[in-house]
């Protein structure tokens, strides 16, 4: 199919000028537009959206790839929007770059907070404008659209039709996921592509190589890696699928979170056990010190006893046995004393 307008790459002032000129050249004529872009300037997206509305006879096709942000705003002004099952759309709240790298005192921090609060207010106004564009197209209420924008996730064609962003499904084929696409998603803080994308490329040669920036082409052979028993247990899966000849394998964001949570729990458990072990060691050391003190006291007493035994003194006699002892009455004792008087 021949498109009069093809919007790709970054959407900015040049894109706005290009669309303006082509639509002027096709006044009163039907215009087909192909969009495959991860977005750009909000102002440019809003301007192009209005141009499509003013022209009055524009059809937008999301034939393949991943379109986001300003790219979706552009399309909302078309009479008809079509999308293939090999396309994902992302709508989200606007964002702006912020760079703060400095040592700030209390007044400077307050000034920065005030500046960011003003920026926040401005972005809320812009978000409301963007939401109104989606509301006009979809018929949804403002609160529902703001919620969808806040979720900031990729939507399939069925989801887009249900949301009212797209009118119908069209034929298409998977687009190549380039390294440039991956970098743009990463550095613009866009959400990672969902797992459904992997199913589009099943048994397609060379996809994983291109995805990871490799040049070598080969057929994909997936093996189930089962010897990572600890990881498999954490994820509650039989094994992780990986390309036979690739050095890398891919797991989902949810799976990464499970591993992160497990590692955090284990780290806390190890910390608690380390504290308990340190406490036990300290108690053991204290008890060992007490034992040494008692042993010293015992040895000192032994030395004192030995010293007493070695000192000179009078002879000792054995006490009279109880069986040989005699009882004397007081009178007998008195008589005996008188005899010596």
C-alpha atoms as a PDB file:
ATOM      1  CA  UNK A   1       0.000   0.000   0.000  1.00  0.00           C
ATOM      2  CA  UNK A   2       1.246   3.470  -0.854  1.00  0.00           C
ATOM      3  CA  UNK A   3       1.267   6.044   1.921  1.00  0.00           C
ATOM      4  CA  UNK A   4       1.313   9.745   1.244  1.00  0.00           C
ATOM      5  CA  UNK A   5       2.785  10.353   4.711  1.00  0.00           C
ATOM      6  CA  UNK A   6       5.128   8.113   6.667  1.00  0.00           C
ATOM      7  CA  UNK A   7       5.949   9.180  10.226  1.00  0.00           C
ATOM      8  CA  UNK A   8       8.972   7.414  11.660  1.00  0.00           C
ATOM      9  CA  UNK A   9      11.686   8.239  14.159  1.00  0.00           C
ATOM     10  CA  UNK A  10      11.550  11.263  16.432  1.00  0.00           C
ATOM     11  CA  UNK A  11       8.494  13.494  16.072  1.00  0.00           C
ATOM     12  CA  UNK A  12       9.482  17.145  16.182  1.00  0.00           C
ATOM     13  CA  UNK A  13       9.282  20.426  14.287  1.00  0.00           C
ATOM     14  CA  UNK A  14      10.576  18.863  11.067  1.00  0.00           C
ATOM     15  CA  UNK A  15       7.835  16.191  11.194  1.00  0.00           C
ATOM     16  CA  UNK A  16       5.196  18.854  11.785  1.00  0.00           C
ATOM     17  CA  UNK A  17       6.385  20.845   8.764  1.00  0.00           C
ATOM     18  CA  UNK A  18       6.488  17.752   6.547  1.00  0.00           C
ATOM     19  CA  UNK A  19       2.916  16.731   7.453  1.00  0.00           C
ATOM     20  CA  UNK A  20       1.671  20.292   6.970  1.00  0.00           C
ATOM     21  CA  UNK A  21       3.121  20.545   3.463  1.00  0.00           C
ATOM     22  CA  UNK A  22       1.868  17.135   2.282  1.00  0.00           C
ATOM     23  CA  UNK A  23      -1.641  17.725   3.588  1.00  0.00           C
ATOM     24  CA  UNK A  24      -1.715  21.095   1.829  1.00  0.00           C
ATOM     25  CA  UNK A  25      -0.769  19.373  -1.419  1.00  0.00           C
ATOM     26  CA  UNK A  26      -3.610  16.869  -0.904  1.00  0.00           C
ATOM     27  CA  UNK A  27      -6.495  19.099   0.059  1.00  0.00           C
ATOM     28  CA  UNK A  28      -9.808  17.444  -0.776  1.00  0.00           C
ATOM     29  CA  UNK A  29      -8.073  14.079  -1.310  1.00  0.00           C
ATOM     30  CA  UNK A  30      -7.906  10.984   0.844  1.00  0.00           C
ATOM     31  CA  UNK A  31      -4.574  10.665   2.646  1.00  0.00           C
ATOM     32  CA  UNK A  32      -3.125   7.441   4.044  1.00  0.00           C
ATOM     33  CA  UNK A  33      -0.591   7.785   6.845  1.00  0.00           C
ATOM     34  CA  UNK A  34       1.775   5.170   8.217  1.00  0.00           C
ATOM     35  CA  UNK A  35       3.083   5.679  11.759  1.00  0.00           C
ATOM     36  CA  UNK A  36       5.942   3.747  13.342  1.00  0.00           C
ATOM     37  CA  UNK A  37       7.493   5.994  15.971  1.00  0.00           C
ATOM     38  CA  UNK A  38       8.308   5.934  19.671  1.00  0.00           C
ATOM     39  CA  UNK A  39       7.236   9.566  20.003  1.00  0.00           C
ATOM     40  CA  UNK A  40       8.795  12.955  20.469  1.00  0.00           C
ATOM     41  CA  UNK A  41       7.537  16.444  21.316  1.00  0.00           C
ATOM     42  CA  UNK A  42       4.030  16.729  22.742  1.00  0.00           C
ATOM     43  CA  UNK A  43       3.491  20.048  20.974  1.00  0.00           C
ATOM     44  CA  UNK A  44       4.317  18.489  17.613  1.00  0.00           C
ATOM     45  CA  UNK A  45       1.983  15.563  18.290  1.00  0.00           C
ATOM     46  CA  UNK A  46      -0.897  17.876  19.202  1.00  0.00           C
ATOM     47  CA  UNK A  47      -0.289  20.038  16.132  1.00  0.00           C
ATOM     48  CA  UNK A  48      -0.281  17.048  13.749  1.00  0.00           C
ATOM     49  CA  UNK A  49      -3.429  15.690  15.414  1.00  0.00           C
ATOM     50  CA  UNK A  50      -5.203  18.969  14.674  1.00  0.00           C
ATOM     51  CA  UNK A  51      -3.892  18.968  11.081  1.00  0.00           C
ATOM     52  CA  UNK A  52      -5.451  15.529  10.500  1.00  0.00           C
ATOM     53  CA  UNK A  53      -8.761  16.775  11.937  1.00  0.00           C
ATOM     54  CA  UNK A  54      -8.715  19.893   9.795  1.00  0.00           C
ATOM     55  CA  UNK A  55      -7.993  17.915   6.627  1.00  0.00           C
ATOM     56  CA  UNK A  56     -10.959  15.662   7.332  1.00  0.00           C
ATOM     57  CA  UNK A  57     -10.048  12.564   5.301  1.00  0.00           C
ATOM     58  CA  UNK A  58      -7.055  10.841   6.860  1.00  0.00           C
ATOM     59  CA  UNK A  59      -6.545   7.147   7.657  1.00  0.00           C
ATOM     60  CA  UNK A  60      -3.698   6.183  10.003  1.00  0.00           C
ATOM     61  CA  UNK A  61      -2.166   2.707   9.953  1.00  0.00           C
ATOM     62  CA  UNK A  62      -0.024   1.258  12.713  1.00  0.00           C
ATOM     63  CA  UNK A  63       1.153  -1.550  10.487  1.00  0.00           C
ATOM     64  CA  UNK A  64       4.087  -2.838  12.540  1.00  0.00           C
ATOM     65  CA  UNK A  65       6.454  -1.906  15.308  1.00  0.00           C
ATOM     66  CA  UNK A  66       6.038  -0.028  18.556  1.00  0.00           C
ATOM     67  CA  UNK A  67       4.473   3.416  18.647  1.00  0.00           C
ATOM     68  CA  UNK A  68       4.261   5.539  21.754  1.00  0.00           C
ATOM     69  CA  UNK A  69       3.666   8.943  23.231  1.00  0.00           C
ATOM     70  CA  UNK A  70       3.385  11.725  20.627  1.00  0.00           C
ATOM     71  CA  UNK A  71       2.968   9.121  17.863  1.00  0.00           C
ATOM     72  CA  UNK A  72      -0.357   8.023  19.338  1.00  0.00           C
ATOM     73  CA  UNK A  73      -1.439  11.626  19.876  1.00  0.00           C
ATOM     74  CA  UNK A  74      -0.913  12.333  16.167  1.00  0.00           C
ATOM     75  CA  UNK A  75      -3.178   9.463  15.160  1.00  0.00           C
ATOM     76  CA  UNK A  76      -6.143  10.594  17.285  1.00  0.00           C
ATOM     77  CA  UNK A  77      -7.009  13.279  14.697  1.00  0.00           C
ATOM     78  CA  UNK A  78      -7.535  10.770  11.859  1.00  0.00           C
ATOM     79  CA  UNK A  79     -10.949   9.688  10.544  1.00  0.00           C
ATOM     80  CA  UNK A  80      -9.965   6.035  10.807  1.00  0.00           C
ATOM     81  CA  UNK A  81      -7.192   4.289  12.735  1.00  0.00           C
ATOM     82  CA  UNK A  82      -6.101   0.759  11.923  1.00  0.00           C
ATOM     83  CA  UNK A  83      -3.586  -1.431  13.721  1.00  0.00           C
ATOM     84  CA  UNK A  84      -2.053  -4.833  13.081  1.00  0.00           C
ATOM     85  CA  UNK A  85      -1.663  -7.566  15.688  1.00  0.00           C
ATOM     86  CA  UNK A  86       2.106  -7.131  15.379  1.00  0.00           C
ATOM     87  CA  UNK A  87       1.962  -3.607  16.794  1.00  0.00           C
ATOM     88  CA  UNK A  88       1.911  -2.240  20.315  1.00  0.00           C
ATOM     89  CA  UNK A  89       0.817   1.237  21.383  1.00  0.00           C
ATOM     90  CA  UNK A  90       1.863   3.053  24.540  1.00  0.00           C
ATOM     91  CA  UNK A  91       0.052   6.022  26.061  1.00  0.00           C
ATOM     92  CA  UNK A  92       1.492   7.671  29.133  1.00  0.00           C
ATOM     93  CA  UNK A  93       1.798  10.919  31.043  1.00  0.00           C
ATOM     94  CA  UNK A  94       4.213  13.499  29.717  1.00  0.00           C
ATOM     95  CA  UNK A  95       7.729  13.677  31.099  1.00  0.00           C
ATOM     96  CA  UNK A  96      10.599  16.104  31.066  1.00  0.00           C
ATOM     97  CA  UNK A  97      14.310  15.750  31.673  1.00  0.00           C
ATOM     98  CA  UNK A  98      15.650  16.782  35.060  1.00  0.00           C
ATOM     99  CA  UNK A  99      19.356  17.009  35.876  1.00  0.00           C
ATOM    100  CA  UNK A 100      20.452  17.971  39.381  1.00  0.00           C
ATOM    101  CA  UNK A 101      24.080  17.306  40.246  1.00  0.00           C
ATOM    102  CA  UNK A 102      25.318  19.758  42.827  1.00  0.00           C
ATOM    103  CA  UNK A 103      25.909  20.453  46.499  1.00  0.00           C
ATOM    104  CA  UNK A 104      22.927  22.501  47.678  1.00  0.00           C
ATOM    105  CA  UNK A 105      22.303  24.398  50.888  1.00  0.00           C
ATOM    106  CA  UNK A 106      18.919  24.665  52.574  1.00  0.00           C
ATOM    107  CA  UNK A 107      17.772  27.702  50.549  1.00  0.00           C
ATOM    108  CA  UNK A 108      18.907  26.182  47.262  1.00  0.00           C
ATOM    109  CA  UNK A 109      17.072  22.953  48.036  1.00  0.00           C
ATOM    110  CA  UNK A 110      13.917  24.958  48.784  1.00  0.00           C
ATOM    111  CA  UNK A 111      14.276  26.818  45.493  1.00  0.00           C
ATOM    112  CA  UNK A 112      14.719  23.525  43.628  1.00  0.00           C
ATOM    113  CA  UNK A 113      11.618  22.050  45.288  1.00  0.00           C
ATOM    114  CA  UNK A 114       9.607  25.142  44.319  1.00  0.00           C
ATOM    115  CA  UNK A 115      10.858  24.876  40.739  1.00  0.00           C
ATOM    116  CA  UNK A 116       9.941  21.182  40.537  1.00  0.00           C
ATOM    117  CA  UNK A 117       6.494  21.854  42.002  1.00  0.00           C
ATOM    118  CA  UNK A 118       5.841  24.451  39.294  1.00  0.00           C
ATOM    119  CA  UNK A 119       7.053  21.971  36.681  1.00  0.00           C
ATOM    120  CA  UNK A 120       4.713  19.355  38.166  1.00  0.00           C
ATOM    121  CA  UNK A 121       1.748  21.742  37.897  1.00  0.00           C
ATOM    122  CA  UNK A 122       2.602  22.507  34.265  1.00  0.00           C
ATOM    123  CA  UNK A 123       2.886  18.824  33.401  1.00  0.00           C
ATOM    124  CA  UNK A 124      -0.475  18.104  35.049  1.00  0.00           C
ATOM    125  CA  UNK A 125      -2.031  20.702  32.735  1.00  0.00           C
ATOM    126  CA  UNK A 126      -0.366  19.116  29.712  1.00  0.00           C
ATOM    127  CA  UNK A 127      -1.543  15.654  30.824  1.00  0.00           C
ATOM    128  CA  UNK A 128      -5.108  16.968  31.005  1.00  0.00           C
ATOM    129  CA  UNK A 129      -4.829  18.288  27.450  1.00  0.00           C
ATOM    130  CA  UNK A 130      -3.479  14.937  26.207  1.00  0.00           C
ATOM    131  CA  UNK A 131      -6.229  13.099  28.083  1.00  0.00           C
ATOM    132  CA  UNK A 132      -8.859  15.269  26.396  1.00  0.00           C
ATOM    133  CA  UNK A 133      -7.486  14.233  22.993  1.00  0.00           C
ATOM    134  CA  UNK A 134      -7.848  10.543  23.898  1.00  0.00           C
ATOM    135  CA  UNK A 135     -11.289  11.203  25.415  1.00  0.00           C
ATOM    136  CA  UNK A 136     -12.538  12.877  22.235  1.00  0.00           C
ATOM    137  CA  UNK A 137     -11.433   9.881  20.215  1.00  0.00           C
ATOM    138  CA  UNK A 138     -12.511   7.068  22.535  1.00  0.00           C
ATOM    139  CA  UNK A 139     -15.602   8.477  24.229  1.00  0.00           C
ATOM    140  CA  UNK A 140     -14.164   7.431  27.594  1.00  0.00           C
ATOM    141  CA  UNK A 141     -14.383   9.722  30.604  1.00  0.00           C
ATOM    142  CA  UNK A 142     -11.431  11.807  31.717  1.00  0.00           C
ATOM    143  CA  UNK A 143     -10.682   9.835  34.892  1.00  0.00           C
ATOM    144  CA  UNK A 144     -10.507   6.516  33.029  1.00  0.00           C
ATOM    145  CA  UNK A 145      -8.106   7.926  30.458  1.00  0.00           C
ATOM    146  CA  UNK A 146      -5.867   9.469  33.131  1.00  0.00           C
ATOM    147  CA  UNK A 147      -5.736   6.044  34.807  1.00  0.00           C
ATOM    148  CA  UNK A 148      -4.683   4.403  31.531  1.00  0.00           C
ATOM    149  CA  UNK A 149      -2.000   7.054  31.038  1.00  0.00           C
ATOM    150  CA  UNK A 150      -0.742   6.527  34.602  1.00  0.00           C
ATOM    151  CA  UNK A 151      -0.404   2.784  34.019  1.00  0.00           C
ATOM    152  CA  UNK A 152       1.980   3.534  31.132  1.00  0.00           C
ATOM    153  CA  UNK A 153       1.977   0.089  29.568  1.00  0.00           C
ATOM    154  CA  UNK A 154       2.032  -1.339  26.062  1.00  0.00           C
ATOM    155  CA  UNK A 155      -1.380  -2.195  24.590  1.00  0.00           C
ATOM    156  CA  UNK A 156      -2.226  -4.845  22.005  1.00  0.00           C
ATOM    157  CA  UNK A 157      -4.603  -4.218  19.119  1.00  0.00           C
ATOM    158  CA  UNK A 158      -7.513  -5.848  20.987  1.00  0.00           C
ATOM    159  CA  UNK A 159      -6.891  -3.646  24.004  1.00  0.00           C
ATOM    160  CA  UNK A 160      -6.640  -0.534  21.837  1.00  0.00           C
ATOM    161  CA  UNK A 161      -9.941  -1.317  20.141  1.00  0.00           C
ATOM    162  CA  UNK A 162     -11.576  -1.856  23.542  1.00  0.00           C
ATOM    163  CA  UNK A 163     -10.164   1.473  24.758  1.00  0.00           C
ATOM    164  CA  UNK A 164     -11.476   3.209  21.653  1.00  0.00           C
ATOM    165  CA  UNK A 165      -8.061   4.279  20.373  1.00  0.00           C
ATOM    166  CA  UNK A 166      -8.248   2.083  17.253  1.00  0.00           C
ATOM    167  CA  UNK A 167     -11.137   1.299  14.908  1.00  0.00           C
ATOM    168  CA  UNK A 168     -10.144  -1.965  13.258  1.00  0.00           C
ATOM    169  CA  UNK A 169      -7.495  -4.642  12.805  1.00  0.00           C
ATOM    170  CA  UNK A 170      -5.340  -4.708   9.677  1.00  0.00           C
ATOM    171  CA  UNK A 171      -2.914  -7.176   8.173  1.00  0.00           C
ATOM    172  CA  UNK A 172       0.728  -6.815   9.023  1.00  0.00           C
ATOM    173  CA  UNK A 173       3.941  -8.590   9.883  1.00  0.00           C
ATOM    174  CA  UNK A 174       6.422  -8.304  12.767  1.00  0.00           C
ATOM    175  CA  UNK A 175       8.879  -5.453  12.540  1.00  0.00           C
ATOM    176  CA  UNK A 176      12.510  -5.971  13.348  1.00  0.00           C
ATOM    177  CA  UNK A 177      13.437  -4.951  16.887  1.00  0.00           C
ATOM    178  CA  UNK A 178      16.586  -2.966  16.319  1.00  0.00           C
ATOM    179  CA  UNK A 179      19.246  -1.996  18.811  1.00  0.00           C
ATOM    180  CA  UNK A 180      18.192   1.630  18.257  1.00  0.00           C
ATOM    181  CA  UNK A 181      14.648   0.749  19.340  1.00  0.00           C
ATOM    182  CA  UNK A 182      15.909  -0.941  22.492  1.00  0.00           C
ATOM    183  CA  UNK A 183      18.142   2.027  23.335  1.00  0.00           C
ATOM    184  CA  UNK A 184      15.311   4.539  22.838  1.00  0.00           C
ATOM    185  CA  UNK A 185      13.016   2.557  25.139  1.00  0.00           C
ATOM    186  CA  UNK A 186      15.736   2.266  27.764  1.00  0.00           C
ATOM    187  CA  UNK A 187      17.045   5.824  27.779  1.00  0.00           C
ATOM    188  CA  UNK A 188      13.596   7.440  27.632  1.00  0.00           C
ATOM    189  CA  UNK A 189      12.424   5.411  30.629  1.00  0.00           C
ATOM    190  CA  UNK A 190       9.658   3.680  28.667  1.00  0.00           C
ATOM    191  CA  UNK A 191       8.338   0.334  29.950  1.00  0.00           C
ATOM    192  CA  UNK A 192      10.006  -2.775  28.572  1.00  0.00           C
ATOM    193  CA  UNK A 193       8.249  -4.647  25.801  1.00  0.00           C
ATOM    194  CA  UNK A 194       5.868  -7.340  27.102  1.00  0.00           C
ATOM    195  CA  UNK A 195       6.455 -11.069  26.686  1.00  0.00           C
ATOM    196  CA  UNK A 196       3.789 -11.333  23.974  1.00  0.00           C
ATOM    197  CA  UNK A 197       6.328  -9.862  21.546  1.00  0.00           C
ATOM    198  CA  UNK A 198       8.433 -13.020  21.772  1.00  0.00           C
ATOM    199  CA  UNK A 199       5.593 -15.095  20.295  1.00  0.00           C
ATOM    200  CA  UNK A 200       5.643 -12.959  17.146  1.00  0.00           C
ATOM    201  CA  UNK A 201       9.146 -14.118  16.331  1.00  0.00           C
ATOM    202  CA  UNK A 202       8.861 -17.804  17.198  1.00  0.00           C
ATOM    203  CA  UNK A 203      11.091 -19.842  14.892  1.00  0.00           C
ATOM    204  CA  UNK A 204      12.168 -16.708  13.054  1.00  0.00           C
ATOM    205  CA  UNK A 205      15.885 -16.877  12.232  1.00  0.00           C
ATOM    206  CA  UNK A 206      18.214 -14.381  13.757  1.00  0.00           C
ATOM    207  CA  UNK A 207      15.745 -12.482  15.975  1.00  0.00           C
ATOM    208  CA  UNK A 208      17.647 -12.938  19.223  1.00  0.00           C
ATOM    209  CA  UNK A 209      20.891 -12.070  17.489  1.00  0.00           C
ATOM    210  CA  UNK A 210      19.438  -8.798  16.223  1.00  0.00           C
ATOM    211  CA  UNK A 211      17.792  -8.129  19.571  1.00  0.00           C
ATOM    212  CA  UNK A 212      21.141  -8.332  21.356  1.00  0.00           C
ATOM    213  CA  UNK A 213      23.063  -6.517  18.621  1.00  0.00           C
ATOM    214  CA  UNK A 214      24.739  -9.567  17.091  1.00  0.00           C
ATOM    215  CA  UNK A 215      25.433  -9.995  13.401  1.00  0.00           C
ATOM    216  CA  UNK A 216      25.599 -13.782  13.185  1.00  0.00           C
ATOM    217  CA  UNK A 217      22.478 -15.363  11.667  1.00  0.00           C
ATOM    218  CA  UNK A 218      21.292 -18.833  12.609  1.00  0.00           C
ATOM    219  CA  UNK A 219      18.163 -20.823  13.270  1.00  0.00           C
ATOM    220  CA  UNK A 220      16.708 -20.564  16.741  1.00  0.00           C
ATOM    221  CA  UNK A 221      16.706 -23.771  18.749  1.00  0.00           C
ATOM    222  CA  UNK A 222      15.226 -23.375  22.206  1.00  0.00           C
ATOM    223  CA  UNK A 223      16.380 -25.624  25.007  1.00  0.00           C
ATOM    224  CA  UNK A 224      14.886 -25.944  28.456  1.00  0.00           C
ATOM    225  CA  UNK A 225      17.584 -25.196  31.017  1.00  0.00           C
ATOM    226  CA  UNK A 226      16.688 -27.266  34.093  1.00  0.00           C
ATOM    227  CA  UNK A 227      19.989 -27.345  35.975  1.00  0.00           C
ATOM    228  CA  UNK A 228      19.410 -23.892  37.501  1.00  0.00           C
ATOM    229  CA  UNK A 229      17.381 -25.584  40.194  1.00  0.00           C
ATOM    230  CA  UNK A 230      17.423 -22.731  42.707  1.00  0.00           C
ATOM    231  CA  UNK A 231      16.259 -20.146  40.154  1.00  0.00           C
ATOM    232  CA  UNK A 232      13.636 -22.530  38.793  1.00  0.00           C
ATOM    233  CA  UNK A 233      12.329 -23.157  42.319  1.00  0.00           C
ATOM    234  CA  UNK A 234      12.095 -19.428  43.048  1.00  0.00           C
ATOM    235  CA  UNK A 235      10.201 -18.826  39.778  1.00  0.00           C
ATOM    236  CA  UNK A 236       8.142 -22.005  40.240  1.00  0.00           C
ATOM    237  CA  UNK A 237       8.922 -23.171  36.711  1.00  0.00           C
ATOM    238  CA  UNK A 238      10.319 -26.338  35.171  1.00  0.00           C
ATOM    239  CA  UNK A 239      13.148 -24.539  33.420  1.00  0.00           C
ATOM    240  CA  UNK A 240      14.197 -21.424  31.507  1.00  0.00           C
ATOM    241  CA  UNK A 241      14.078 -21.428  27.730  1.00  0.00           C
ATOM    242  CA  UNK A 242      17.203 -20.231  25.985  1.00  0.00           C
ATOM    243  CA  UNK A 243      18.523 -20.261  22.447  1.00  0.00           C
ATOM    244  CA  UNK A 244      20.786 -23.237  21.913  1.00  0.00           C
ATOM    245  CA  UNK A 245      23.749 -21.289  20.535  1.00  0.00           C
ATOM    246  CA  UNK A 246      23.223 -18.021  22.417  1.00  0.00           C
ATOM    247  CA  UNK A 247      25.193 -16.956  25.479  1.00  0.00           C
ATOM    248  CA  UNK A 248      22.204 -15.075  26.888  1.00  0.00           C
ATOM    249  CA  UNK A 249      18.673 -15.916  27.939  1.00  0.00           C
ATOM    250  CA  UNK A 250      15.735 -13.662  28.729  1.00  0.00           C
ATOM    251  CA  UNK A 251      13.394 -13.620  31.701  1.00  0.00           C
ATOM    252  CA  UNK A 252      10.473 -11.320  32.330  1.00  0.00           C
ATOM    253  CA  UNK A 253      10.307  -8.302  34.619  1.00  0.00           C
ATOM    254  CA  UNK A 254       7.943 -10.203  36.925  1.00  0.00           C
ATOM    255  CA  UNK A 255      10.414 -13.082  37.151  1.00  0.00           C
ATOM    256  CA  UNK A 256      13.242 -10.670  37.928  1.00  0.00           C
ATOM    257  CA  UNK A 257      11.115  -9.216  40.737  1.00  0.00           C
ATOM    258  CA  UNK A 258      10.575 -12.692  42.195  1.00  0.00           C
ATOM    259  CA  UNK A 259      14.319 -13.301  42.210  1.00  0.00           C
ATOM    260  CA  UNK A 260      14.914  -9.856  43.751  1.00  0.00           C
ATOM    261  CA  UNK A 261      12.329 -10.532  46.497  1.00  0.00           C
ATOM    262  CA  UNK A 262      13.846 -13.942  47.247  1.00  0.00           C
ATOM    263  CA  UNK A 263      17.370 -12.515  47.425  1.00  0.00           C
ATOM    264  CA  UNK A 264      16.169  -9.718  49.730  1.00  0.00           C
ATOM    265  CA  UNK A 265      14.435 -12.227  52.017  1.00  0.00           C
ATOM    266  CA  UNK A 266      17.535 -14.430  52.094  1.00  0.00           C
ATOM    267  CA  UNK A 267      19.736 -11.412  52.822  1.00  0.00           C
ATOM    268  CA  UNK A 268      17.504 -10.474  55.777  1.00  0.00           C
ATOM    269  CA  UNK A 269      17.575 -14.063  57.022  1.00  0.00           C
ATOM    270  CA  UNK A 270      21.366 -14.192  56.775  1.00  0.00           C
ATOM    271  CA  UNK A 271      21.609 -10.862  58.609  1.00  0.00           C
ATOM    272  CA  UNK A 272      19.407 -12.148  61.442  1.00  0.00           C
ATOM    273  CA  UNK A 273      21.413 -15.363  61.690  1.00  0.00           C
ATOM    274  CA  UNK A 274      24.683 -13.427  61.676  1.00  0.00           C
ATOM    275  CA  UNK A 275      23.400 -11.310  64.561  1.00  0.00           C
ATOM    276  CA  UNK A 276      22.330 -14.424  66.473  1.00  0.00           C
ATOM    277  CA  UNK A 277      25.714 -16.051  65.814  1.00  0.00           C
ATOM    278  CA  UNK A 278      27.567 -12.934  66.992  1.00  0.00           C
ATOM    279  CA  UNK A 279      25.460 -12.855  70.154  1.00  0.00           C
ATOM    280  CA  UNK A 280      26.173 -16.545  70.829  1.00  0.00           C
ATOM    281  CA  UNK A 281      29.899 -15.994  70.293  1.00  0.00           C
ATOM    282  CA  UNK A 282      29.883 -13.069  72.734  1.00  0.00           C
ATOM    283  CA  UNK A 283      28.042 -15.161  75.327  1.00  0.00           C
ATOM    284  CA  UNK A 284      30.524 -18.009  74.820  1.00  0.00           C
ATOM    285  CA  UNK A 285      33.449 -15.627  75.288  1.00  0.00           C
ATOM    286  CA  UNK A 286      31.895 -14.240  78.493  1.00  0.00           C
ATOM    287  CA  UNK A 287      31.345 -17.757  79.873  1.00  0.00           C
ATOM    288  CA  UNK A 288      34.886 -18.783  79.020  1.00  0.00           C
ATOM    289  CA  UNK A 289      36.140 -15.717  80.921  1.00  0.00           C
ATOM    290  CA  UNK A 290      34.015 -16.673  83.929  1.00  0.00           C
ATOM    291  CA  UNK A 291      35.382 -20.219  83.845  1.00  0.00           C
ATOM    292  CA  UNK A 292      38.950 -18.887  83.836  1.00  0.00           C
ATOM    293  CA  UNK A 293      38.170 -16.678  86.849  1.00  0.00           C
ATOM    294  CA  UNK A 294      36.723 -19.622  88.769  1.00  0.00           C
ATOM    295  CA  UNK A 295      39.695 -21.818  87.864  1.00  0.00           C
ATOM    296  CA  UNK A 296      42.046 -19.092  89.133  1.00  0.00           C
ATOM    297  CA  UNK A 297      40.128 -18.836  92.406  1.00  0.00           C
ATOM    298  CA  UNK A 298      40.347 -22.625  92.783  1.00  0.00           C
ATOM    299  CA  UNK A 299      44.115 -22.610  92.140  1.00  0.00           C
ATOM    300  CA  UNK A 300      44.611 -19.779  94.640  1.00  0.00           C
ATOM    301  CA  UNK A 301      42.757 -21.718  97.330  1.00  0.00           C
ATOM    302  CA  UNK A 302      44.875 -24.810  96.640  1.00  0.00           C
ATOM    303  CA  UNK A 303      48.031 -22.734  97.042  1.00  0.00           C
ATOM    304  CA  UNK A 304      46.811 -21.310 100.362  1.00  0.00           C
ATOM    305  CA  UNK A 305      46.017 -24.792 101.694  1.00  0.00           C
ATOM    306  CA  UNK A 306      49.464 -26.032 100.686  1.00  0.00           C
ATOM    307  CA  UNK A 307      51.130 -23.033 102.382  1.00  0.00           C
ATOM    308  CA  UNK A 308      49.250 -23.731 105.602  1.00  0.00           C
ATOM    309  CA  UNK A 309      50.243 -27.395 105.541  1.00  0.00           C
ATOM    310  CA  UNK A 310      53.919 -26.505 105.075  1.00  0.00           C
ATOM    311  CA  UNK A 311      54.036 -24.034 108.028  1.00  0.00           C
ATOM    312  CA  UNK A 312      55.607 -25.343 111.410  1.00  0.00           C
ATOM    313  CA  UNK A 313      53.229 -25.884 114.362  1.00  0.00           C
ATOM    314  CA  UNK A 314      52.410 -28.041 117.471  1.00  0.00           C
ATOM    315  CA  UNK A 315      51.779 -31.689 117.222  1.00  0.00           C
ATOM    316  CA  UNK A 316      48.282 -32.749 116.774  1.00  0.00           C
ATOM    317  CA  UNK A 317      46.538 -35.609 118.491  1.00  0.00           C
ATOM    318  CA  UNK A 318      43.632 -37.666 117.612  1.00  0.00           C
ATOM    319  CA  UNK A 319      40.444 -36.764 119.304  1.00  0.00           C
ATOM    320  CA  UNK A 320      39.219 -39.180 121.958  1.00  0.00           C
ATOM    321  CA  UNK A 321      36.944 -41.743 120.557  1.00  0.00           C
ATOM    322  CA  UNK A 322      33.368 -41.399 121.588  1.00  0.00           C
ATOM    323  CA  UNK A 323      33.348 -44.981 122.888  1.00  0.00           C
ATOM    324  CA  UNK A 324      36.158 -44.205 125.401  1.00  0.00           C
ATOM    325  CA  UNK A 325      34.680 -41.015 126.723  1.00  0.00           C
ATOM    326  CA  UNK A 326      33.441 -41.027 130.395  1.00  0.00           C
ATOM    327  CA  UNK A 327      30.759 -38.937 131.960  1.00  0.00           C
ATOM    328  CA  UNK A 328      31.535 -37.157 135.271  1.00  0.00           C
ATOM    329  CA  UNK A 329      29.052 -35.625 137.645  1.00  0.00           C
ATOM    330  CA  UNK A 330      29.786 -32.156 138.919  1.00  0.00           C
ATOM    331  CA  UNK A 331      30.135 -33.463 142.470  1.00  0.00           C
ATOM    332  CA  UNK A 332      32.866 -35.865 141.503  1.00  0.00           C
ATOM    333  CA  UNK A 333      34.769 -33.117 139.792  1.00  0.00           C
ATOM    334  CA  UNK A 334      34.481 -30.934 142.920  1.00  0.00           C
ATOM    335  CA  UNK A 335      35.765 -33.714 145.203  1.00  0.00           C
ATOM    336  CA  UNK A 336      38.778 -34.268 142.948  1.00  0.00           C
ATOM    337  CA  UNK A 337      39.694 -30.617 143.085  1.00  0.00           C
ATOM    338  CA  UNK A 338      39.500 -30.594 146.884  1.00  0.00           C
ATOM    339  CA  UNK A 339      41.985 -33.461 147.096  1.00  0.00           C
ATOM    340  CA  UNK A 340      44.643 -31.236 145.469  1.00  0.00           C
ATOM    341  CA  UNK A 341      43.738 -28.194 147.475  1.00  0.00           C
END
